Amino acid sequence: MGPEIVIVSFLFGFLPTLIALLRGHDNTFAIFLTNLLLGWTGIGWVIALIWSFTAIRSRVRS
């Protein structure tokens, strides 16, 4: 297995975390932990993926 396959597999595995980071999600760290600890189950990965696409609350500045 070449290094390209390992890198692509790693990126695909942490896709929910990457999406949350790119979207500036409020719960990025929690999504990362869910992805890290439960992502290997498949169900945990899907939960993290859905969570990363949920609405982001806009912050009210005073």
C-alpha atoms as a PDB file:
ATOM      1  CA  MET A   1       0.000   0.000   0.000  1.00  0.00           C
ATOM      2  CA  GLY A   2       1.496   3.280  -1.141  1.00  0.00           C
ATOM      3  CA  PRO A   3       1.700   6.426   0.930  1.00  0.00           C
ATOM      4  CA  GLU A   4      -0.900   8.127  -1.269  1.00  0.00           C
ATOM      5  CA  ILE A   5      -3.528   5.561  -0.298  1.00  0.00           C
ATOM      6  CA  VAL A   6      -2.722   5.980   3.388  1.00  0.00           C
ATOM      7  CA  ILE A   7      -3.037   9.774   3.162  1.00  0.00           C
ATOM      8  CA  VAL A   8      -6.302   9.625   1.222  1.00  0.00           C
ATOM      9  CA  SER A   9      -7.724   7.070   3.666  1.00  0.00           C
ATOM     10  CA  PHE A  10      -6.747   9.252   6.619  1.00  0.00           C
ATOM     11  CA  LEU A  11      -8.323  12.346   5.026  1.00  0.00           C
ATOM     12  CA  PHE A  12     -11.499  10.442   4.187  1.00  0.00           C
ATOM     13  CA  GLY A  13     -11.687   9.094   7.734  1.00  0.00           C
ATOM     14  CA  PHE A  14     -11.471  12.584   9.185  1.00  0.00           C
ATOM     15  CA  LEU A  15     -13.708  14.183   6.550  1.00  0.00           C
ATOM     16  CA  PRO A  16     -16.312  15.265   9.153  1.00  0.00           C
ATOM     17  CA  THR A  17     -13.632  17.080  11.133  1.00  0.00           C
ATOM     18  CA  LEU A  18     -12.257  18.761   8.021  1.00  0.00           C
ATOM     19  CA  ILE A  19     -15.739  19.914   6.997  1.00  0.00           C
ATOM     20  CA  ALA A  20     -16.384  21.308  10.483  1.00  0.00           C
ATOM     21  CA  LEU A  21     -13.053  23.167  10.390  1.00  0.00           C
ATOM     22  CA  LEU A  22     -13.706  24.636   6.960  1.00  0.00           C
ATOM     23  CA  ARG A  23     -17.217  25.740   7.928  1.00  0.00           C
ATOM     24  CA  GLY A  24     -16.081  27.271  11.216  1.00  0.00           C
ATOM     25  CA  HIS A  25     -18.460  25.097  13.197  1.00  0.00           C
ATOM     26  CA  ASP A  26     -18.946  25.996  16.869  1.00  0.00           C
ATOM     27  CA  ASN A  27     -18.524  22.346  17.921  1.00  0.00           C
ATOM     28  CA  THR A  28     -15.477  21.487  15.845  1.00  0.00           C
ATOM     29  CA  PHE A  29     -13.576  19.987  18.787  1.00  0.00           C
ATOM     30  CA  ALA A  30     -16.542  17.836  19.826  1.00  0.00           C
ATOM     31  CA  ILE A  31     -16.952  16.662  16.232  1.00  0.00           C
ATOM     32  CA  PHE A  32     -13.242  15.824  16.162  1.00  0.00           C
ATOM     33  CA  LEU A  33     -13.532  13.776  19.364  1.00  0.00           C
ATOM     34  CA  THR A  34     -16.599  11.945  18.067  1.00  0.00           C
ATOM     35  CA  ASN A  35     -14.777  11.263  14.822  1.00  0.00           C
ATOM     36  CA  LEU A  36     -11.627  10.111  16.619  1.00  0.00           C
ATOM     37  CA  LEU A  37     -13.270   7.890  19.239  1.00  0.00           C
ATOM     38  CA  LEU A  38     -16.313   6.564  17.385  1.00  0.00           C
ATOM     39  CA  GLY A  39     -15.488   7.116  13.712  1.00  0.00           C
ATOM     40  CA  TRP A  40     -14.118   3.593  13.342  1.00  0.00           C
ATOM     41  CA  THR A  41     -17.613   2.175  14.010  1.00  0.00           C
ATOM     42  CA  GLY A  42     -19.075   3.633  10.843  1.00  0.00           C
ATOM     43  CA  ILE A  43     -22.151   4.850  12.704  1.00  0.00           C
ATOM     44  CA  GLY A  44     -19.998   7.286  14.684  1.00  0.00           C
ATOM     45  CA  TRP A  45     -18.483   8.528  11.429  1.00  0.00           C
ATOM     46  CA  VAL A  46     -21.928   9.147   9.910  1.00  0.00           C
ATOM     47  CA  ILE A  47     -23.064  10.966  13.078  1.00  0.00           C
ATOM     48  CA  ALA A  48     -19.973  13.195  12.968  1.00  0.00           C
ATOM     49  CA  LEU A  49     -20.521  13.847   9.259  1.00  0.00           C
ATOM     50  CA  ILE A  50     -24.153  14.873   9.737  1.00  0.00           C
ATOM     51  CA  TRP A  51     -23.200  16.996  12.754  1.00  0.00           C
ATOM     52  CA  SER A  52     -20.534  18.802  10.727  1.00  0.00           C
ATOM     53  CA  PHE A  53     -23.206  19.889   8.229  1.00  0.00           C
ATOM     54  CA  THR A  54     -25.676  21.196  10.820  1.00  0.00           C
ATOM     55  CA  ALA A  55     -26.475  24.881  11.031  1.00  0.00           C
ATOM     56  CA  ILE A  56     -23.926  27.231  12.489  1.00  0.00           C
ATOM     57  CA  ARG A  57     -25.246  29.862  14.874  1.00  0.00           C
ATOM     58  CA  SER A  58     -24.201  33.333  13.946  1.00  0.00           C
ATOM     59  CA  ARG A  59     -22.550  35.145  16.797  1.00  0.00           C
ATOM     60  CA  VAL A  60     -24.187  38.346  17.915  1.00  0.00           C
ATOM     61  CA  ARG A  61     -21.692  41.102  18.475  1.00  0.00           C
ATOM     62  CA  SER A  62     -22.533  43.813  20.932  1.00  0.00           C
END
